[in-house]
Amino acid sequence: MMRRLLMLFTLMALVAMTLAAAPAGAQDCAGSPPPRLVIGDQGRIAQRFSTLRESPAGNPVEVMYAPLRFVVLQGPLCAGYGPLTWYEIQYETGQRGWTSEGQVFSIWGWNQYWLELDVQTGS
């Protein structure tokens, strides 16, 4: 009984820390790790690539490759399969569209963030 209470308390503490770390107004998306980006942030592709889409969970437009940088225009928005956390972004090359920030579980691993803040710009 005591072990169950300790596990429950630990789980509740982890949930509270996750919610405290999320940006204001961020939605909880079951398929995504906690959102880390907000409108106006400058970021970059954190992994090898990111898929640019015409709308959240929409048709792919182009595959963009790291370390390409971008600016967040809209989001976070919880939608599509997963559901995942989506952002409208504009890359430094001018392409604009929607991409997901990450996924709790994918073929690439657990709790993968595909986008991150660009530490070189100070955002």
PDB file of N, CA and C in Angstrom:
ATOM      1  N   MET A   1       0.827  -1.196   0.000  1.00  0.00           N
ATOM      2  CA  MET A   1       0.000   0.000   0.000  1.00  0.00           C
ATOM      3  C   MET A   1       0.867   1.254   0.000  1.00  0.00           C
ATOM      4  N   MET A   2       1.879   1.271   0.849  1.00  0.00           N
ATOM      5  CA  MET A   2       2.761   2.426   0.932  1.00  0.00           C
ATOM      6  C   MET A   2       3.516   2.637  -0.388  1.00  0.00           C
ATOM      7  N   ARG A   3       3.898   1.539  -1.009  1.00  0.00           N
ATOM      8  CA  ARG A   3       4.616   1.613  -2.289  1.00  0.00           C
ATOM      9  C   ARG A   3       3.729   2.229  -3.365  1.00  0.00           C
ATOM     10  N   ARG A   4       2.454   1.848  -3.378  1.00  0.00           N
ATOM     11  CA  ARG A   4       1.513   2.412  -4.351  1.00  0.00           C
ATOM     12  C   ARG A   4       1.322   3.910  -4.132  1.00  0.00           C
ATOM     13  N   LEU A   5       1.218   4.316  -2.892  1.00  0.00           N
ATOM     14  CA  LEU A   5       1.072   5.741  -2.585  1.00  0.00           C
ATOM     15  C   LEU A   5       2.306   6.525  -3.029  1.00  0.00           C
ATOM     16  N   LEU A   6       3.475   5.965  -2.799  1.00  0.00           N
ATOM     17  CA  LEU A   6       4.707   6.614  -3.207  1.00  0.00           C
ATOM     18  C   LEU A   6       4.774   6.738  -4.729  1.00  0.00           C
ATOM     19  N   MET A   7       4.378   5.680  -5.437  1.00  0.00           N
ATOM     20  CA  MET A   7       4.371   5.726  -6.902  1.00  0.00           C
ATOM     21  C   MET A   7       3.363   6.757  -7.406  1.00  0.00           C
ATOM     22  N   LEU A   8       2.188   6.819  -6.780  1.00  0.00           N
ATOM     23  CA  LEU A   8       1.171   7.785  -7.167  1.00  0.00           C
ATOM     24  C   LEU A   8       1.671   9.209  -6.927  1.00  0.00           C
ATOM     25  N   PHE A   9       2.278   9.456  -5.787  1.00  0.00           N
ATOM     26  CA  PHE A   9       2.822  10.773  -5.472  1.00  0.00           C
ATOM     27  C   PHE A   9       3.906  11.168  -6.483  1.00  0.00           C
ATOM     28  N   THR A  10       4.777  10.240  -6.816  1.00  0.00           N
ATOM     29  CA  THR A  10       5.843  10.504  -7.783  1.00  0.00           C
ATOM     30  C   THR A  10       5.265  10.847  -9.145  1.00  0.00           C
ATOM     31  N   LEU A  11       4.271  10.093  -9.577  1.00  0.00           N
ATOM     32  CA  LEU A  11       3.618  10.355 -10.856  1.00  0.00           C
ATOM     33  C   LEU A  11       2.959  11.731 -10.871  1.00  0.00           C
ATOM     34  N   MET A  12       2.277  12.078  -9.782  1.00  0.00           N
ATOM     35  CA  MET A  12       1.629  13.385  -9.679  1.00  0.00           C
ATOM     36  C   MET A  12       2.666  14.506  -9.720  1.00  0.00           C
ATOM     37  N   ALA A  13       3.792  14.319  -9.061  1.00  0.00           N
ATOM     38  CA  ALA A  13       4.856  15.321  -9.067  1.00  0.00           C
ATOM     39  C   ALA A  13       5.421  15.514 -10.476  1.00  0.00           C
ATOM     40  N   LEU A  14       5.601  14.411 -11.213  1.00  0.00           N
ATOM     41  CA  LEU A  14       6.105  14.510 -12.579  1.00  0.00           C
ATOM     42  C   LEU A  14       5.125  15.243 -13.483  1.00  0.00           C
ATOM     43  N   VAL A  15       3.854  14.970 -13.337  1.00  0.00           N
ATOM     44  CA  VAL A  15       2.826  15.660 -14.123  1.00  0.00           C
ATOM     45  C   VAL A  15       2.827  17.150 -13.793  1.00  0.00           C
ATOM     46  N   ALA A  16       2.928  17.493 -12.529  1.00  0.00           N
ATOM     47  CA  ALA A  16       2.946  18.898 -12.114  1.00  0.00           C
ATOM     48  C   ALA A  16       4.161  19.623 -12.684  1.00  0.00           C
ATOM     49  N   MET A  17       5.320  18.983 -12.676  1.00  0.00           N
ATOM     50  CA  MET A  17       6.533  19.602 -13.221  1.00  0.00           C
ATOM     51  C   MET A  17       6.402  19.796 -14.726  1.00  0.00           C
ATOM     52  N   THR A  18       5.806  18.845 -15.409  1.00  0.00           N
ATOM     53  CA  THR A  18       5.620  18.946 -16.856  1.00  0.00           C
ATOM     54  C   THR A  18       4.699  20.110 -17.189  1.00  0.00           C
ATOM     55  N   LEU A  19       3.603  20.249 -16.460  1.00  0.00           N
ATOM     56  CA  LEU A  19       2.665  21.340 -16.702  1.00  0.00           C
ATOM     57  C   LEU A  19       3.295  22.690 -16.396  1.00  0.00           C
ATOM     58  N   ALA A  20       4.111  22.758 -15.354  1.00  0.00           N
ATOM     59  CA  ALA A  20       4.765  24.010 -14.988  1.00  0.00           C
ATOM     60  C   ALA A  20       5.776  24.432 -16.050  1.00  0.00           C
ATOM     61  N   ALA A  21       6.384  23.480 -16.745  1.00  0.00           N
ATOM     62  CA  ALA A  21       7.407  23.782 -17.743  1.00  0.00           C
ATOM     63  C   ALA A  21       6.824  24.168 -19.092  1.00  0.00           C
ATOM     64  N   ALA A  22       5.555  23.890 -19.346  1.00  0.00           N
ATOM     65  CA  ALA A  22       4.941  24.181 -20.636  1.00  0.00           C
ATOM     66  C   ALA A  22       4.674  25.675 -20.779  1.00  0.00           C
ATOM     67  N   PRO A  23       4.793  26.233 -22.004  1.00  0.00           N
ATOM     68  CA  PRO A  23       4.490  27.634 -22.223  1.00  0.00           C
ATOM     69  C   PRO A  23       3.039  27.955 -21.877  1.00  0.00           C
ATOM     70  N   ALA A  24       2.786  29.206 -21.492  1.00  0.00           N
ATOM     71  CA  ALA A  24       1.436  29.625 -21.150  1.00  0.00           C
ATOM     72  C   ALA A  24       0.506  29.404 -22.336  1.00  0.00           C
ATOM     73  N   GLY A  25      -0.656  28.842 -22.082  1.00  0.00           N
ATOM     74  CA  GLY A  25      -1.641  28.598 -23.121  1.00  0.00           C
ATOM     75  C   GLY A  25      -1.401  27.337 -23.923  1.00  0.00           C
ATOM     76  N   ALA A  26      -0.343  26.605 -23.596  1.00  0.00           N
ATOM     77  CA  ALA A  26      -0.033  25.388 -24.353  1.00  0.00           C
ATOM     78  C   ALA A  26      -1.066  24.308 -24.052  1.00  0.00           C
ATOM     79  N   GLN A  27      -1.380  23.548 -25.068  1.00  0.00           N
ATOM     80  CA  GLN A  27      -2.327  22.453 -24.922  1.00  0.00           C
ATOM     81  C   GLN A  27      -1.572  21.164 -24.675  1.00  0.00           C
ATOM     82  N   ASP A  28      -2.169  20.273 -23.902  1.00  0.00           N
ATOM     83  CA  ASP A  28      -1.577  18.969 -23.674  1.00  0.00           C
ATOM     84  C   ASP A  28      -1.950  18.078 -24.842  1.00  0.00           C
ATOM     85  N   CYS A  29      -0.952  17.560 -25.529  1.00  0.00           N
ATOM     86  CA  CYS A  29      -1.157  16.670 -26.671  1.00  0.00           C
ATOM     87  C   CYS A  29      -0.614  15.301 -26.313  1.00  0.00           C
ATOM     88  N   ALA A  30      -1.472  14.300 -26.288  1.00  0.00           N
ATOM     89  CA  ALA A  30      -1.097  12.964 -25.843  1.00  0.00           C
ATOM     90  C   ALA A  30       0.071  12.370 -26.610  1.00  0.00           C
ATOM     91  N   GLY A  31       0.211  12.673 -27.895  1.00  0.00           N
ATOM     92  CA  GLY A  31       1.270  12.082 -28.694  1.00  0.00           C
ATOM     93  C   GLY A  31       2.573  12.844 -28.698  1.00  0.00           C
ATOM     94  N   SER A  32       2.602  14.032 -28.063  1.00  0.00           N
ATOM     95  CA  SER A  32       3.792  14.879 -28.087  1.00  0.00           C
ATOM     96  C   SER A  32       4.372  15.086 -26.700  1.00  0.00           C
ATOM     97  N   PRO A  33       5.697  15.288 -26.630  1.00  0.00           N
ATOM     98  CA  PRO A  33       6.279  15.722 -25.357  1.00  0.00           C
ATOM     99  C   PRO A  33       5.802  17.150 -25.076  1.00  0.00           C
ATOM    100  N   PRO A  34       5.982  17.656 -23.867  1.00  0.00           N
ATOM    101  CA  PRO A  34       5.500  19.005 -23.535  1.00  0.00           C
ATOM    102  C   PRO A  34       6.041  20.060 -24.509  1.00  0.00           C
ATOM    103  N   PRO A  35       5.183  20.992 -24.963  1.00  0.00           N
ATOM    104  CA  PRO A  35       5.630  22.018 -25.908  1.00  0.00           C
ATOM    105  C   PRO A  35       6.666  22.942 -25.279  1.00  0.00           C
ATOM    106  N   ARG A  36       7.649  23.359 -26.091  1.00  0.00           N
ATOM    107  CA  ARG A  36       8.708  24.247 -25.610  1.00  0.00           C
ATOM    108  C   ARG A  36       8.794  25.541 -26.399  1.00  0.00           C
ATOM    109  N   LEU A  37       8.063  25.658 -27.493  1.00  0.00           N
ATOM    110  CA  LEU A  37       8.152  26.833 -28.357  1.00  0.00           C
ATOM    111  C   LEU A  37       6.919  27.713 -28.209  1.00  0.00           C
ATOM    112  N   VAL A  38       7.085  29.018 -28.463  1.00  0.00           N
ATOM    113  CA  VAL A  38       5.971  29.965 -28.467  1.00  0.00           C
ATOM    114  C   VAL A  38       6.120  30.878 -29.679  1.00  0.00           C
ATOM    115  N   ILE A  39       5.055  31.577 -30.020  1.00  0.00           N
ATOM    116  CA  ILE A  39       5.068  32.499 -31.152  1.00  0.00           C
ATOM    117  C   ILE A  39       6.211  33.500 -30.985  1.00  0.00           C
ATOM    118  N   GLY A  40       6.956  33.689 -32.063  1.00  0.00           N
ATOM    119  CA  GLY A  40       8.075  34.623 -32.058  1.00  0.00           C
ATOM    120  C   GLY A  40       9.420  33.984 -31.772  1.00  0.00           C
ATOM    121  N   ASP A  41       9.408  32.775 -31.235  1.00  0.00           N
ATOM    122  CA  ASP A  41      10.676  32.085 -30.971  1.00  0.00           C
ATOM    123  C   ASP A  41      11.422  31.828 -32.265  1.00  0.00           C
ATOM    124  N   GLN A  42      12.744  31.904 -32.176  1.00  0.00           N
ATOM    125  CA  GLN A  42      13.595  31.482 -33.276  1.00  0.00           C
ATOM    126  C   GLN A  42      14.128  30.112 -32.911  1.00  0.00           C
ATOM    127  N   GLY A  43      13.996  29.173 -33.835  1.00  0.00           N
ATOM    128  CA  GLY A  43      14.411  27.813 -33.545  1.00  0.00           C
ATOM    129  C   GLY A  43      15.184  27.215 -34.692  1.00  0.00           C
ATOM    130  N   ARG A  44      15.455  25.928 -34.558  1.00  0.00           N
ATOM    131  CA  ARG A  44      16.134  25.183 -35.616  1.00  0.00           C
ATOM    132  C   ARG A  44      15.686  23.733 -35.560  1.00  0.00           C
ATOM    133  N   ILE A  45      15.918  23.029 -36.642  1.00  0.00           N
ATOM    134  CA  ILE A  45      15.600  21.607 -36.679  1.00  0.00           C
ATOM    135  C   ILE A  45      16.600  20.901 -35.771  1.00  0.00           C
ATOM    136  N   ALA A  46      16.092  20.119 -34.828  1.00  0.00           N
ATOM    137  CA  ALA A  46      16.942  19.492 -33.815  1.00  0.00           C
ATOM    138  C   ALA A  46      17.484  18.136 -34.251  1.00  0.00           C
ATOM    139  N   GLN A  47      16.761  17.442 -35.096  1.00  0.00           N
ATOM    140  CA  GLN A  47      17.183  16.122 -35.558  1.00  0.00           C
ATOM    141  C   GLN A  47      17.650  16.247 -37.009  1.00  0.00           C
ATOM    142  N   ARG A  48      17.650  15.166 -37.737  1.00  0.00           N
ATOM    143  CA  ARG A  48      18.123  15.195 -39.127  1.00  0.00           C
ATOM    144  C   ARG A  48      17.224  15.990 -40.058  1.00  0.00           C
ATOM    145  N   PHE A  49      15.906  15.894 -39.836  1.00  0.00           N
ATOM    146  CA  PHE A  49      14.975  16.557 -40.745  1.00  0.00           C
ATOM    147  C   PHE A  49      13.655  16.843 -40.044  1.00  0.00           C
ATOM    148  N   SER A  50      12.817  17.633 -40.707  1.00  0.00           N
ATOM    149  CA  SER A  50      11.467  17.932 -40.260  1.00  0.00           C
ATOM    150  C   SER A  50      10.608  18.055 -41.515  1.00  0.00           C
ATOM    151  N   THR A  51       9.372  17.564 -41.439  1.00  0.00           N
ATOM    152  CA  THR A  51       8.480  17.609 -42.600  1.00  0.00           C
ATOM    153  C   THR A  51       7.596  18.842 -42.521  1.00  0.00           C
ATOM    154  N   LEU A  52       7.666  19.684 -43.524  1.00  0.00           N
ATOM    155  CA  LEU A  52       6.828  20.868 -43.632  1.00  0.00           C
ATOM    156  C   LEU A  52       5.517  20.453 -44.291  1.00  0.00           C
ATOM    157  N   ARG A  53       4.378  20.879 -43.712  1.00  0.00           N
ATOM    158  CA  ARG A  53       3.062  20.483 -44.215  1.00  0.00           C
ATOM    159  C   ARG A  53       2.217  21.710 -44.523  1.00  0.00           C
ATOM    160  N   GLU A  54       1.180  21.507 -45.344  1.00  0.00           N
ATOM    161  CA  GLU A  54       0.308  22.623 -45.737  1.00  0.00           C
ATOM    162  C   GLU A  54      -0.626  23.063 -44.618  1.00  0.00           C
ATOM    163  N   SER A  55      -0.902  22.165 -43.664  1.00  0.00           N
ATOM    164  CA  SER A  55      -1.749  22.461 -42.510  1.00  0.00           C
ATOM    165  C   SER A  55      -1.358  21.481 -41.397  1.00  0.00           C
ATOM    166  N   PRO A  56      -1.826  21.721 -40.155  1.00  0.00           N
ATOM    167  CA  PRO A  56      -1.507  20.751 -39.101  1.00  0.00           C
ATOM    168  C   PRO A  56      -1.968  19.350 -39.511  1.00  0.00           C
ATOM    169  N   ALA A  57      -1.062  18.398 -39.515  1.00  0.00           N
ATOM    170  CA  ALA A  57      -1.326  17.009 -39.905  1.00  0.00           C
ATOM    171  C   ALA A  57      -1.766  16.891 -41.359  1.00  0.00           C
ATOM    172  N   GLY A  58      -1.550  17.947 -42.150  1.00  0.00           N
ATOM    173  CA  GLY A  58      -1.953  17.937 -43.545  1.00  0.00           C
ATOM    174  C   GLY A  58      -0.938  17.260 -44.449  1.00  0.00           C
ATOM    175  N   ASN A  59      -1.123  17.448 -45.735  1.00  0.00           N
ATOM    176  CA  ASN A  59      -0.236  16.837 -46.714  1.00  0.00           C
ATOM    177  C   ASN A  59       1.175  17.415 -46.632  1.00  0.00           C
ATOM    178  N   PRO A  60       2.184  16.561 -46.772  1.00  0.00           N
ATOM    179  CA  PRO A  60       3.571  17.051 -46.763  1.00  0.00           C
ATOM    180  C   PRO A  60       3.830  17.963 -47.964  1.00  0.00           C
ATOM    181  N   VAL A  61       4.594  19.027 -47.717  1.00  0.00           N
ATOM    182  CA  VAL A  61       4.982  19.955 -48.768  1.00  0.00           C
ATOM    183  C   VAL A  61       6.444  19.724 -49.139  1.00  0.00           C
ATOM    184  N   GLU A  62       7.284  19.597 -48.106  1.00  0.00           N
ATOM    185  CA  GLU A  62       8.713  19.449 -48.336  1.00  0.00           C
ATOM    186  C   GLU A  62       9.384  18.912 -47.083  1.00  0.00           C
ATOM    187  N   VAL A  63      10.474  18.193 -47.257  1.00  0.00           N
ATOM    188  CA  VAL A  63      11.289  17.752 -46.135  1.00  0.00           C
ATOM    189  C   VAL A  63      12.425  18.755 -45.986  1.00  0.00           C
ATOM    190  N   MET A  64      12.565  19.299 -44.770  1.00  0.00           N
ATOM    191  CA  MET A  64      13.591  20.294 -44.487  1.00  0.00           C
ATOM    192  C   MET A  64      14.671  19.637 -43.616  1.00  0.00           C
ATOM    193  N   TYR A  65      15.911  20.006 -43.843  1.00  0.00           N
ATOM    194  CA  TYR A  65      17.019  19.327 -43.172  1.00  0.00           C
ATOM    195  C   TYR A  65      17.756  20.240 -42.201  1.00  0.00           C
ATOM    196  N   ALA A  66      18.243  19.628 -41.110  1.00  0.00           N
ATOM    197  CA  ALA A  66      19.012  20.332 -40.080  1.00  0.00           C
ATOM    198  C   ALA A  66      20.315  20.835 -40.684  1.00  0.00           C
ATOM    199  N   PRO A  67      20.811  21.925 -40.168  1.00  0.00           N
ATOM    200  CA  PRO A  67      20.388  22.723 -39.015  1.00  0.00           C
ATOM    201  C   PRO A  67      19.574  23.961 -39.391  1.00  0.00           C
ATOM    202  N   LEU A  68      18.686  23.853 -40.370  1.00  0.00           N
ATOM    203  CA  LEU A  68      17.912  24.981 -40.865  1.00  0.00           C
ATOM    204  C   LEU A  68      17.176  25.688 -39.721  1.00  0.00           C
ATOM    205  N   ARG A  69      17.174  27.021 -39.766  1.00  0.00           N
ATOM    206  CA  ARG A  69      16.545  27.834 -38.727  1.00  0.00           C
ATOM    207  C   ARG A  69      15.176  28.329 -39.191  1.00  0.00           C
ATOM    208  N   PHE A  70      14.327  28.700 -38.198  1.00  0.00           N
ATOM    209  CA  PHE A  70      12.968  29.150 -38.491  1.00  0.00           C
ATOM    210  C   PHE A  70      12.494  30.110 -37.412  1.00  0.00           C
ATOM    211  N   VAL A  71      11.344  30.757 -37.682  1.00  0.00           N
ATOM    212  CA  VAL A  71      10.634  31.599 -36.720  1.00  0.00           C
ATOM    213  C   VAL A  71       9.245  31.009 -36.543  1.00  0.00           C
ATOM    214  N   VAL A  72       8.759  30.926 -35.290  1.00  0.00           N
ATOM    215  CA  VAL A  72       7.421  30.405 -35.001  1.00  0.00           C
ATOM    216  C   VAL A  72       6.395  31.510 -35.264  1.00  0.00           C
ATOM    217  N   LEU A  73       5.418  31.231 -36.142  1.00  0.00           N
ATOM    218  CA  LEU A  73       4.376  32.190 -36.497  1.00  0.00           C
ATOM    219  C   LEU A  73       3.076  31.937 -35.742  1.00  0.00           C
ATOM    220  N   GLN A  74       2.721  30.653 -35.543  1.00  0.00           N
ATOM    221  CA  GLN A  74       1.500  30.271 -34.827  1.00  0.00           C
ATOM    222  C   GLN A  74       1.747  28.984 -34.058  1.00  0.00           C
ATOM    223  N   GLY A  75       0.959  28.776 -33.029  1.00  0.00           N
ATOM    224  CA  GLY A  75       1.033  27.531 -32.271  1.00  0.00           C
ATOM    225  C   GLY A  75       1.330  27.808 -30.816  1.00  0.00           C
ATOM    226  N   PRO A  76       1.340  26.814 -29.999  1.00  0.00           N
ATOM    227  CA  PRO A  76       1.138  25.411 -30.320  1.00  0.00           C
ATOM    228  C   PRO A  76      -0.339  25.069 -30.541  1.00  0.00           C
ATOM    229  N   LEU A  77      -0.561  24.098 -31.408  1.00  0.00           N
ATOM    230  CA  LEU A  77      -1.892  23.612 -31.739  1.00  0.00           C
ATOM    231  C   LEU A  77      -1.870  22.091 -31.672  1.00  0.00           C
ATOM    232  N   CYS A  78      -2.814  21.521 -30.939  1.00  0.00           N
ATOM    233  CA  CYS A  78      -2.893  20.066 -30.781  1.00  0.00           C
ATOM    234  C   CYS A  78      -3.860  19.520 -31.832  1.00  0.00           C
ATOM    235  N   ALA A  79      -3.345  18.681 -32.761  1.00  0.00           N
ATOM    236  CA  ALA A  79      -4.202  18.183 -33.836  1.00  0.00           C
ATOM    237  C   ALA A  79      -3.613  16.936 -34.477  1.00  0.00           C
ATOM    238  N   GLY A  80      -4.434  16.302 -35.309  1.00  0.00           N
ATOM    239  CA  GLY A  80      -3.974  15.199 -36.140  1.00  0.00           C
ATOM    240  C   GLY A  80      -3.789  13.900 -35.393  1.00  0.00           C
ATOM    241  N   TYR A  81      -3.078  13.004 -36.039  1.00  0.00           N
ATOM    242  CA  TYR A  81      -2.826  11.700 -35.444  1.00  0.00           C
ATOM    243  C   TYR A  81      -1.894  11.874 -34.267  1.00  0.00           C
ATOM    244  N   GLY A  82      -2.122  11.129 -33.240  1.00  0.00           N
ATOM    245  CA  GLY A  82      -1.283  11.209 -32.029  1.00  0.00           C
ATOM    246  C   GLY A  82      -2.052  11.641 -30.800  1.00  0.00           C
ATOM    247  N   PRO A  83      -2.656  12.788 -30.719  1.00  0.00           N
ATOM    248  CA  PRO A  83      -2.434  13.976 -31.545  1.00  0.00           C
ATOM    249  C   PRO A  83      -1.069  14.596 -31.231  1.00  0.00           C
ATOM    250  N   LEU A  84      -0.572  15.410 -32.169  1.00  0.00           N
ATOM    251  CA  LEU A  84       0.741  16.029 -32.017  1.00  0.00           C
ATOM    252  C   LEU A  84       0.616  17.535 -31.847  1.00  0.00           C
ATOM    253  N   THR A  85       1.674  18.161 -31.342  1.00  0.00           N
ATOM    254  CA  THR A  85       1.742  19.607 -31.183  1.00  0.00           C
ATOM    255  C   THR A  85       2.317  20.200 -32.468  1.00  0.00           C
ATOM    256  N   TRP A  86       1.570  21.132 -33.084  1.00  0.00           N
ATOM    257  CA  TRP A  86       1.940  21.708 -34.375  1.00  0.00           C
ATOM    258  C   TRP A  86       2.214  23.196 -34.265  1.00  0.00           C
ATOM    259  N   TYR A  87       3.109  23.677 -35.116  1.00  0.00           N
ATOM    260  CA  TYR A  87       3.449  25.096 -35.214  1.00  0.00           C
ATOM    261  C   TYR A  87       3.498  25.506 -36.673  1.00  0.00           C
ATOM    262  N   GLU A  88       2.995  26.706 -36.957  1.00  0.00           N
ATOM    263  CA  GLU A  88       3.252  27.283 -38.275  1.00  0.00           C
ATOM    264  C   GLU A  88       4.581  28.017 -38.156  1.00  0.00           C
ATOM    265  N   ILE A  89       5.488  27.730 -39.069  1.00  0.00           N
ATOM    266  CA  ILE A  89       6.817  28.323 -39.013  1.00  0.00           C
ATOM    267  C   ILE A  89       7.218  28.851 -40.385  1.00  0.00           C
ATOM    268  N   GLN A  90       8.206  29.737 -40.370  1.00  0.00           N
ATOM    269  CA  GLN A  90       8.808  30.189 -41.619  1.00  0.00           C
ATOM    270  C   GLN A  90      10.308  29.979 -41.496  1.00  0.00           C
ATOM    271  N   TYR A  91      10.841  29.211 -42.445  1.00  0.00           N
ATOM    272  CA  TYR A  91      12.279  28.930 -42.457  1.00  0.00           C
ATOM    273  C   TYR A  91      13.042  30.124 -43.006  1.00  0.00           C
ATOM    274  N   GLU A  92      14.321  30.180 -42.675  1.00  0.00           N
ATOM    275  CA  GLU A  92      15.188  31.258 -43.151  1.00  0.00           C
ATOM    276  C   GLU A  92      15.282  31.275 -44.679  1.00  0.00           C
ATOM    277  N   THR A  93      14.925  30.181 -45.327  1.00  0.00           N
ATOM    278  CA  THR A  93      14.934  30.094 -46.791  1.00  0.00           C
ATOM    279  C   THR A  93      13.650  30.634 -47.410  1.00  0.00           C
ATOM    280  N   GLY A  94      12.662  30.991 -46.567  1.00  0.00           N
ATOM    281  CA  GLY A  94      11.404  31.558 -47.043  1.00  0.00           C
ATOM    282  C   GLY A  94      10.233  30.589 -47.035  1.00  0.00           C
ATOM    283  N   GLN A  95      10.481  29.270 -47.004  1.00  0.00           N
ATOM    284  CA  GLN A  95       9.369  28.316 -46.971  1.00  0.00           C
ATOM    285  C   GLN A  95       8.585  28.491 -45.672  1.00  0.00           C
ATOM    286  N   ARG A  96       7.277  28.358 -45.822  1.00  0.00           N
ATOM    287  CA  ARG A  96       6.372  28.548 -44.692  1.00  0.00           C
ATOM    288  C   ARG A  96       5.372  27.408 -44.678  1.00  0.00           C
ATOM    289  N   GLY A  97       5.054  26.898 -43.481  1.00  0.00           N
ATOM    290  CA  GLY A  97       4.083  25.827 -43.349  1.00  0.00           C
ATOM    291  C   GLY A  97       4.005  25.353 -41.915  1.00  0.00           C
ATOM    292  N   TRP A  98       3.432  24.170 -41.725  1.00  0.00           N
ATOM    293  CA  TRP A  98       3.206  23.607 -40.401  1.00  0.00           C
ATOM    294  C   TRP A  98       4.108  22.401 -40.180  1.00  0.00           C
ATOM    295  N   THR A  99       4.594  22.252 -38.971  1.00  0.00           N
ATOM    296  CA  THR A  99       5.409  21.092 -38.608  1.00  0.00           C
ATOM    297  C   THR A  99       5.160  20.739 -37.148  1.00  0.00           C
ATOM    298  N   SER A 100       5.345  19.479 -36.814  1.00  0.00           N
ATOM    299  CA  SER A 100       5.159  19.055 -35.422  1.00  0.00           C
ATOM    300  C   SER A 100       6.470  19.209 -34.666  1.00  0.00           C
ATOM    301  N   GLU A 101       6.342  19.480 -33.368  1.00  0.00           N
ATOM    302  CA  GLU A 101       7.527  19.728 -32.533  1.00  0.00           C
ATOM    303  C   GLU A 101       8.241  18.445 -32.154  1.00  0.00           C
ATOM    304  N   GLY A 102       7.509  17.384 -31.961  1.00  0.00           N
ATOM    305  CA  GLY A 102       8.115  16.133 -31.531  1.00  0.00           C
ATOM    306  C   GLY A 102       7.056  15.070 -31.343  1.00  0.00           C
ATOM    307  N   GLN A 103       7.478  13.933 -30.812  1.00  0.00           N
ATOM    308  CA  GLN A 103       6.540  12.832 -30.610  1.00  0.00           C
ATOM    309  C   GLN A 103       6.990  11.998 -29.418  1.00  0.00           C
ATOM    310  N   VAL A 104       6.018  11.554 -28.609  1.00  0.00           N
ATOM    311  CA  VAL A 104       6.308  10.733 -27.442  1.00  0.00           C
ATOM    312  C   VAL A 104       6.948   9.420 -27.866  1.00  0.00           C
ATOM    313  N   PHE A 105       6.374   8.765 -28.870  1.00  0.00           N
ATOM    314  CA  PHE A 105       6.951   7.516 -29.358  1.00  0.00           C
ATOM    315  C   PHE A 105       6.882   7.474 -30.875  1.00  0.00           C
ATOM    316  N   SER A 106       8.011   7.205 -31.495  1.00  0.00           N
ATOM    317  CA  SER A 106       8.052   7.061 -32.945  1.00  0.00           C
ATOM    318  C   SER A 106       9.119   6.033 -33.295  1.00  0.00           C
ATOM    319  N   ILE A 107       9.275   5.763 -34.566  1.00  0.00           N
ATOM    320  CA  ILE A 107      10.318   4.828 -34.978  1.00  0.00           C
ATOM    321  C   ILE A 107      11.709   5.375 -34.672  1.00  0.00           C
ATOM    322  N   TRP A 108      11.804   6.672 -34.395  1.00  0.00           N
ATOM    323  CA  TRP A 108      13.097   7.310 -34.100  1.00  0.00           C
ATOM    324  C   TRP A 108      13.443   7.244 -32.621  1.00  0.00           C
ATOM    325  N   GLY A 109      12.486   6.883 -31.748  1.00  0.00           N
ATOM    326  CA  GLY A 109      12.761   6.785 -30.312  1.00  0.00           C
ATOM    327  C   GLY A 109      11.659   7.390 -29.468  1.00  0.00           C
ATOM    328  N   TRP A 110      11.932   7.479 -28.173  1.00  0.00           N
ATOM    329  CA  TRP A 110      10.982   8.014 -27.188  1.00  0.00           C
ATOM    330  C   TRP A 110      11.251   9.490 -26.944  1.00  0.00           C
ATOM    331  N   ASN A 111      10.164  10.269 -26.769  1.00  0.00           N
ATOM    332  CA  ASN A 111      10.239  11.685 -26.419  1.00  0.00           C
ATOM    333  C   ASN A 111      11.245  12.450 -27.262  1.00  0.00           C
ATOM    334  N   GLN A 112      11.090  12.322 -28.561  1.00  0.00           N
ATOM    335  CA  GLN A 112      11.973  13.009 -29.501  1.00  0.00           C
ATOM    336  C   GLN A 112      11.428  14.401 -29.814  1.00  0.00           C
ATOM    337  N   TYR A 113      12.261  15.420 -29.638  1.00  0.00           N
ATOM    338  CA  TYR A 113      11.937  16.764 -30.109  1.00  0.00           C
ATOM    339  C   TYR A 113      12.606  16.938 -31.463  1.00  0.00           C
ATOM    340  N   TRP A 114      11.821  17.299 -32.478  1.00  0.00           N
ATOM    341  CA  TRP A 114      12.363  17.506 -33.811  1.00  0.00           C
ATOM    342  C   TRP A 114      12.718  18.964 -34.034  1.00  0.00           C
ATOM    343  N   LEU A 115      12.179  19.840 -33.184  1.00  0.00           N
ATOM    344  CA  LEU A 115      12.465  21.276 -33.235  1.00  0.00           C
ATOM    345  C   LEU A 115      12.988  21.722 -31.881  1.00  0.00           C
ATOM    346  N   GLU A 116      13.825  22.739 -31.868  1.00  0.00           N
ATOM    347  CA  GLU A 116      14.340  23.285 -30.609  1.00  0.00           C
ATOM    348  C   GLU A 116      14.622  24.771 -30.755  1.00  0.00           C
ATOM    349  N   LEU A 117      14.729  25.444 -29.597  1.00  0.00           N
ATOM    350  CA  LEU A 117      15.122  26.839 -29.604  1.00  0.00           C
ATOM    351  C   LEU A 117      16.514  26.959 -30.188  1.00  0.00           C
ATOM    352  N   ASP A 118      16.770  28.040 -30.890  1.00  0.00           N
ATOM    353  CA  ASP A 118      18.100  28.271 -31.452  1.00  0.00           C
ATOM    354  C   ASP A 118      18.914  29.042 -30.412  1.00  0.00           C
ATOM    355  N   VAL A 119      19.807  28.352 -29.741  1.00  0.00           N
ATOM    356  CA  VAL A 119      20.587  28.973 -28.673  1.00  0.00           C
ATOM    357  C   VAL A 119      21.551  30.018 -29.192  1.00  0.00           C
ATOM    358  N   GLN A 120      21.906  29.971 -30.462  1.00  0.00           N
ATOM    359  CA  GLN A 120      22.823  30.967 -31.035  1.00  0.00           C
ATOM    360  C   GLN A 120      22.172  32.334 -31.178  1.00  0.00           C
ATOM    361  N   THR A 121      20.844  32.374 -31.296  1.00  0.00           N
ATOM    362  CA  THR A 121      20.151  33.648 -31.435  1.00  0.00           C
ATOM    363  C   THR A 121      19.680  34.195 -30.097  1.00  0.00           C
ATOM    364  N   GLY A 122      19.797  33.379 -29.057  1.00  0.00           N
ATOM    365  CA  GLY A 122      19.370  33.818 -27.730  1.00  0.00           C
ATOM    366  C   GLY A 122      17.904  33.668 -27.471  1.00  0.00           C
ATOM    367  N   SER A 123      17.166  33.022 -28.371  1.00  0.00           N
ATOM    368  CA  SER A 123      15.722  32.824 -28.178  1.00  0.00           C
ATOM    369  C   SER A 123      15.483  31.579 -27.341  1.00  0.00           C
TER     370      SER A 123
END
